[in-house]
Amino acid sequence: MGEDGQSHTYILGTEERRRLELLQECVDPLTTRSLDAIGIEAGWRCLEVGAGGGSVARMLCDRVGPAGRVAAVDLDTRFLDEIKADNLDVHRSDVVADGLPGDGYDLVHARLLLMHLPTREKLLEEMAAALRPGGWLLIEDMDVFPLPVLAEGPMLEVWTAVVGAFEAAQACPTLGRDLPPLFDRAGLEAVEALCEVPTVRGGAPFTQMIMASVAQLRPFIATSGITEEHIAALGRQIADPTRWFSAFAMYSVRGRAPAA
């Protein structure tokens, strides 16, 4: 449900540390596997766009080692500033207005960022252009397609309102499915895509993250008729450890810039 701190129409803030921690707990395993598949090498230069709580920036700093550099950019850098890594450069910037910091990167990564940006296709092309020849672009973003079919009761009611709030803010909650052809359009090669739809027990970190996000979205979903009673009913439903719930889908798509 979004982790970047960019401005414009982003309707989920980063002021609540716990929500970001839960989000990272849910999606870091997919990112770890995706980075493993690419094979980050010591000495690489990496760019993390919309770095949020900083977990991926930490991963990259560890993987590239002292000889490498990681640039992490976000509009809100309070959590990035807490990272103690000599090979990390933190940039407080809105990438839509200010552009990306530098180019010639071995890896550019963004997670749950592009769906929130009306200029998402342009930014993806800019990220691809910031790669060195043979460098990797890795984008991970959501797609809500499982939920209208698999959710029920309060989960379906509240989630429908959340999707409407995203769309009203010019976000694209189905971006995941569009990423592979966007990579092709950006001229990337060896494009590979993975889609995961986790199924989680009530009370799991994913359900806790949903409630933390819904709390931030109250003003936006109230216009769809969602009341405190709806939210309380959702909380009871997804806290029940005897029930299982399908999460939104996460797409992980990677591709390489053509070699020189």
Protein backbone atom coordinates (compact mmCIF):
# COMPACT_ATOMS: atom_id res chain seq x y z
CA MET A 1 0.00 0.00 0.00
CA GLY A 2 2.74 2.40 -0.82
CA GLU A 3 6.03 3.30 0.84
CA ASP A 4 7.46 6.29 -0.99
CA GLY A 5 7.42 9.73 0.55
CA GLN A 6 7.04 11.66 -2.69
CA SER A 7 4.74 14.67 -2.95
CA HIS A 8 2.06 15.22 -5.67
CA THR A 9 -1.02 13.01 -5.23
CA TYR A 10 0.44 10.45 -2.81
CA ILE A 11 -2.22 9.82 -0.16
CA LEU A 12 -0.34 7.48 2.17
CA GLY A 13 2.21 9.31 4.28
CA THR A 14 5.34 7.99 5.98
CA GLU A 15 4.65 9.55 9.38
CA GLU A 16 3.79 6.23 10.98
CA ARG A 17 6.92 4.13 11.47
CA ARG A 18 5.01 0.98 12.38
CA ARG A 19 3.16 0.91 9.05
CA LEU A 20 6.45 1.08 7.17
CA GLU A 21 7.96 -1.65 9.32
CA LEU A 22 4.99 -3.91 8.63
CA LEU A 23 5.13 -3.14 4.92
CA GLN A 24 8.81 -3.99 4.80
CA GLU A 25 8.20 -7.23 6.69
CA CYS A 26 5.62 -8.21 4.08
CA VAL A 27 7.50 -7.35 0.89
CA ASP A 28 11.21 -7.51 1.75
CA PRO A 29 11.36 -11.29 1.11
CA LEU A 30 10.26 -10.78 -2.51
CA THR A 31 12.79 -7.99 -2.98
CA THR A 32 15.54 -10.14 -1.48
CA ARG A 33 14.80 -12.96 -3.92
CA SER A 34 14.71 -10.52 -6.83
CA LEU A 35 18.08 -9.04 -5.89
CA ASP A 36 19.48 -12.56 -5.53
CA ALA A 37 18.29 -13.37 -9.06
CA ILE A 38 20.07 -10.32 -10.45
CA GLY A 39 23.25 -11.04 -8.52
CA ILE A 40 24.36 -7.75 -6.99
CA GLU A 41 28.16 -7.55 -7.03
CA ALA A 42 30.62 -5.81 -4.75
CA GLY A 43 31.53 -2.40 -6.10
CA TRP A 44 28.22 -1.74 -7.87
CA ARG A 45 26.60 1.70 -7.93
CA CYS A 46 22.91 1.43 -7.06
CA LEU A 47 20.00 3.86 -6.93
CA GLU A 48 16.99 3.30 -4.65
CA VAL A 49 14.08 5.55 -5.72
CA GLY A 50 11.39 6.28 -3.13
CA ALA A 51 13.44 4.63 -0.39
CA GLY A 52 10.78 4.94 2.35
CA GLY A 53 11.78 3.12 5.54
CA GLY A 54 15.20 2.24 4.18
CA SER A 55 15.24 -1.57 4.34
CA VAL A 56 16.20 -1.97 0.66
CA ALA A 57 18.86 0.72 0.92
CA ARG A 58 20.38 -1.27 3.80
CA MET A 59 20.28 -4.47 1.72
CA LEU A 60 22.05 -2.77 -1.15
CA CYS A 61 24.71 -1.20 1.07
CA ASP A 62 25.51 -4.64 2.47
CA ARG A 63 25.66 -6.25 -0.95
CA VAL A 64 27.84 -3.69 -2.77
CA GLY A 65 30.31 -3.43 0.12
CA PRO A 66 32.80 -0.66 0.85
CA ALA A 67 33.85 -0.37 -2.80
CA GLY A 68 30.27 0.30 -3.94
CA ARG A 69 27.87 3.21 -3.49
CA VAL A 70 24.13 3.38 -2.90
CA ALA A 71 22.13 6.54 -3.61
CA ALA A 72 18.76 6.59 -1.82
CA VAL A 73 16.27 9.31 -2.77
CA ASP A 74 13.02 10.24 -1.06
CA LEU A 75 11.09 13.38 -0.23
CA ASP A 76 11.08 12.33 3.45
CA THR A 77 14.51 11.06 4.51
CA ARG A 78 14.07 10.84 8.29
CA PHE A 79 14.39 7.04 8.32
CA LEU A 80 17.22 7.01 5.75
CA ASP A 81 19.19 9.47 7.88
CA GLU A 82 19.23 6.85 10.65
CA ILE A 83 21.15 4.33 8.52
CA LYS A 84 24.79 4.09 9.51
CA ALA A 85 26.54 3.12 6.29
CA ASP A 86 29.61 4.82 4.84
CA ASN A 87 28.61 3.82 1.31
CA LEU A 88 25.13 5.42 1.42
CA ASP A 89 24.31 8.82 -0.11
CA VAL A 90 20.89 10.16 0.95
CA HIS A 91 19.12 12.62 -1.36
CA ARG A 92 16.10 14.55 -0.09
CA SER A 93 14.31 15.22 -3.36
CA ASP A 94 11.07 14.84 -5.29
CA VAL A 95 12.12 12.79 -8.31
CA VAL A 96 9.09 13.94 -10.32
CA ALA A 97 10.06 17.61 -10.03
CA ASP A 98 13.82 17.30 -9.64
CA GLY A 99 14.78 14.22 -11.64
CA LEU A 100 17.06 11.38 -10.62
CA PRO A 101 20.41 11.97 -8.91
CA GLY A 102 22.98 10.97 -11.49
CA ASP A 103 23.25 8.13 -13.99
CA GLY A 104 25.47 5.24 -14.99
CA TYR A 105 24.03 2.95 -12.31
CA ASP A 106 24.50 -0.82 -12.21
CA LEU A 107 21.07 -1.16 -10.60
CA VAL A 108 18.06 1.11 -10.23
CA HIS A 109 15.23 -0.10 -7.99
CA ALA A 110 11.82 1.23 -6.95
CA ARG A 111 9.13 -0.50 -4.91
CA LEU A 112 5.50 0.54 -4.49
CA LEU A 113 6.33 3.96 -5.90
CA LEU A 114 5.26 4.20 -9.52
CA MET A 115 1.62 3.30 -8.88
CA HIS A 116 1.23 6.60 -7.02
CA LEU A 117 2.67 8.83 -9.76
CA PRO A 118 0.65 10.21 -12.68
CA THR A 119 3.97 10.43 -14.60
CA ARG A 120 4.81 6.79 -13.85
CA GLU A 121 5.64 5.81 -17.43
CA LYS A 122 7.95 8.78 -17.90
CA LEU A 123 9.76 8.06 -14.65
CA LEU A 124 10.24 4.41 -15.57
CA GLU A 125 11.86 5.51 -18.82
CA GLU A 126 14.08 7.93 -16.89
CA MET A 127 15.15 5.15 -14.53
CA ALA A 128 15.99 2.93 -17.50
CA ALA A 129 18.02 5.77 -19.02
CA ALA A 130 19.97 6.15 -15.75
CA LEU A 131 21.49 2.67 -16.16
CA ARG A 132 24.95 1.96 -17.47
CA PRO A 133 25.07 -0.37 -20.50
CA GLY A 134 24.14 -3.79 -19.15
CA GLY A 135 22.76 -2.36 -15.90
CA TRP A 136 19.58 -3.65 -14.29
CA LEU A 137 16.23 -2.01 -13.62
CA LEU A 138 14.08 -3.70 -10.95
CA ILE A 139 10.55 -2.43 -10.30
CA GLU A 140 8.16 -3.98 -7.80
CA ASP A 141 4.58 -2.80 -7.60
CA MET A 142 1.13 -3.99 -6.66
CA ASP A 143 -1.97 -5.11 -8.51
CA VAL A 144 -5.29 -5.42 -6.68
CA PHE A 145 -6.77 -7.99 -9.05
CA PRO A 146 -7.16 -10.84 -6.50
CA LEU A 147 -9.14 -8.81 -4.00
CA PRO A 148 -12.38 -8.03 -5.85
CA VAL A 149 -12.75 -11.80 -6.44
CA LEU A 150 -11.42 -13.25 -3.18
CA ALA A 151 -12.27 -10.65 -0.53
CA GLU A 152 -15.64 -10.64 1.20
CA GLY A 153 -17.60 -8.72 3.82
CA PRO A 154 -15.86 -5.75 5.47
CA MET A 155 -12.59 -6.50 3.64
CA LEU A 156 -14.32 -6.14 0.27
CA GLU A 157 -16.25 -3.01 1.29
CA VAL A 158 -13.25 -1.16 2.67
CA TRP A 159 -10.89 -2.32 -0.06
CA THR A 160 -13.28 -1.14 -2.77
CA ALA A 161 -13.28 2.30 -1.15
CA VAL A 162 -9.46 2.28 -0.92
CA VAL A 163 -9.14 1.49 -4.62
CA GLY A 164 -11.56 4.32 -5.40
CA ALA A 165 -9.46 6.71 -3.28
CA PHE A 166 -6.29 5.68 -5.10
CA GLU A 167 -7.91 6.17 -8.50
CA ALA A 168 -9.30 9.58 -7.48
CA ALA A 169 -5.73 10.57 -6.60
CA GLN A 170 -4.53 9.45 -10.08
CA ALA A 171 -2.80 6.40 -8.65
CA CYS A 172 -2.92 3.10 -10.53
CA PRO A 173 -3.65 0.16 -8.19
CA THR A 174 -3.38 -2.28 -11.12
CA LEU A 175 0.05 -1.11 -12.30
CA GLY A 176 1.77 -4.43 -11.69
CA ARG A 177 0.28 -6.11 -14.76
CA ASP A 178 1.42 -3.21 -16.98
CA LEU A 179 5.08 -3.29 -15.97
CA PRO A 180 6.42 -5.98 -18.37
CA PRO A 181 5.26 -4.18 -21.55
CA LEU A 182 6.50 -0.88 -20.11
CA PHE A 183 9.94 -2.45 -19.74
CA ASP A 184 9.79 -3.55 -23.38
CA ARG A 185 8.78 -0.05 -24.40
CA ALA A 186 11.73 1.41 -22.50
CA GLY A 187 14.11 -0.68 -24.61
CA LEU A 188 15.21 -3.07 -21.86
CA GLU A 189 16.36 -6.58 -22.62
CA ALA A 190 16.11 -9.96 -20.86
CA VAL A 191 12.87 -8.81 -19.23
CA GLU A 192 11.50 -11.24 -16.64
CA ALA A 193 8.38 -10.84 -14.50
CA LEU A 194 7.12 -12.59 -11.39
CA CYS A 195 3.70 -12.19 -9.77
CA GLU A 196 3.08 -13.33 -6.20
CA VAL A 197 -0.28 -13.44 -4.39
CA PRO A 198 0.38 -14.29 -0.73
CA THR A 199 -2.30 -15.96 1.37
CA VAL A 200 -2.02 -14.97 5.02
CA ARG A 201 -3.59 -15.90 8.33
CA GLY A 202 -5.69 -13.37 10.21
CA GLY A 203 -3.51 -11.29 12.51
CA ALA A 204 -0.40 -11.69 10.30
CA PRO A 205 1.80 -8.67 9.50
CA PHE A 206 -0.05 -8.14 6.22
CA THR A 207 -3.40 -7.73 7.98
CA GLN A 208 -1.82 -5.41 10.54
CA MET A 209 -0.37 -3.34 7.71
CA ILE A 210 -3.81 -3.12 6.08
CA MET A 211 -5.28 -1.68 9.28
CA ALA A 212 -2.43 0.80 9.70
CA SER A 213 -2.91 1.98 6.11
CA VAL A 214 -6.68 2.21 6.44
CA ALA A 215 -6.19 4.42 9.51
CA GLN A 216 -4.23 6.88 7.37
CA LEU A 217 -6.80 6.71 4.60
CA ARG A 218 -9.85 7.50 6.77
CA PRO A 219 -10.44 11.00 5.29
CA PHE A 220 -10.25 9.66 1.72
CA ILE A 221 -12.50 6.61 2.10
CA ALA A 222 -15.12 8.39 4.21
CA THR A 223 -16.43 9.98 1.02
CA SER A 224 -17.34 6.46 -0.15
CA GLY A 225 -19.49 5.90 2.91
CA ILE A 226 -16.92 3.98 4.96
CA THR A 227 -17.59 4.66 8.64
CA GLU A 228 -15.77 3.84 11.86
CA GLU A 229 -18.15 0.88 12.16
CA HIS A 230 -16.93 -0.48 8.80
CA ILE A 231 -13.31 -0.10 9.89
CA ALA A 232 -13.96 -1.75 13.26
CA ALA A 233 -15.69 -4.67 11.50
CA LEU A 234 -12.69 -5.01 9.18
CA GLY A 235 -10.36 -5.03 12.17
CA ARG A 236 -12.29 -7.87 13.78
CA GLN A 237 -12.46 -9.83 10.53
CA ILE A 238 -8.77 -9.76 9.66
CA ALA A 239 -7.55 -10.23 13.24
CA ASP A 240 -9.25 -13.65 13.41
CA PRO A 241 -6.45 -16.26 13.32
CA THR A 242 -8.87 -18.95 12.19
CA ARG A 243 -9.42 -17.15 8.86
CA TRP A 244 -7.17 -16.82 5.83
CA PHE A 245 -6.97 -13.88 3.43
CA SER A 246 -5.48 -13.28 -0.01
CA ALA A 247 -3.24 -10.24 -0.22
CA PHE A 248 -2.93 -7.94 -3.20
CA ALA A 249 -0.58 -9.21 -5.89
CA MET A 250 3.02 -8.04 -6.01
CA TYR A 251 4.80 -7.93 -9.37
CA SER A 252 8.59 -7.99 -9.53
CA VAL A 253 9.92 -7.11 -12.98
CA ARG A 254 13.54 -6.82 -14.03
CA GLY A 255 15.32 -6.01 -17.28
CA ARG A 256 18.77 -5.01 -18.53
CA ALA A 257 19.91 -1.98 -20.48
CA PRO A 258 21.40 -2.97 -23.84
CA ALA A 259 25.16 -3.51 -23.77
CA ALA A 260 27.25 -0.81 -25.40
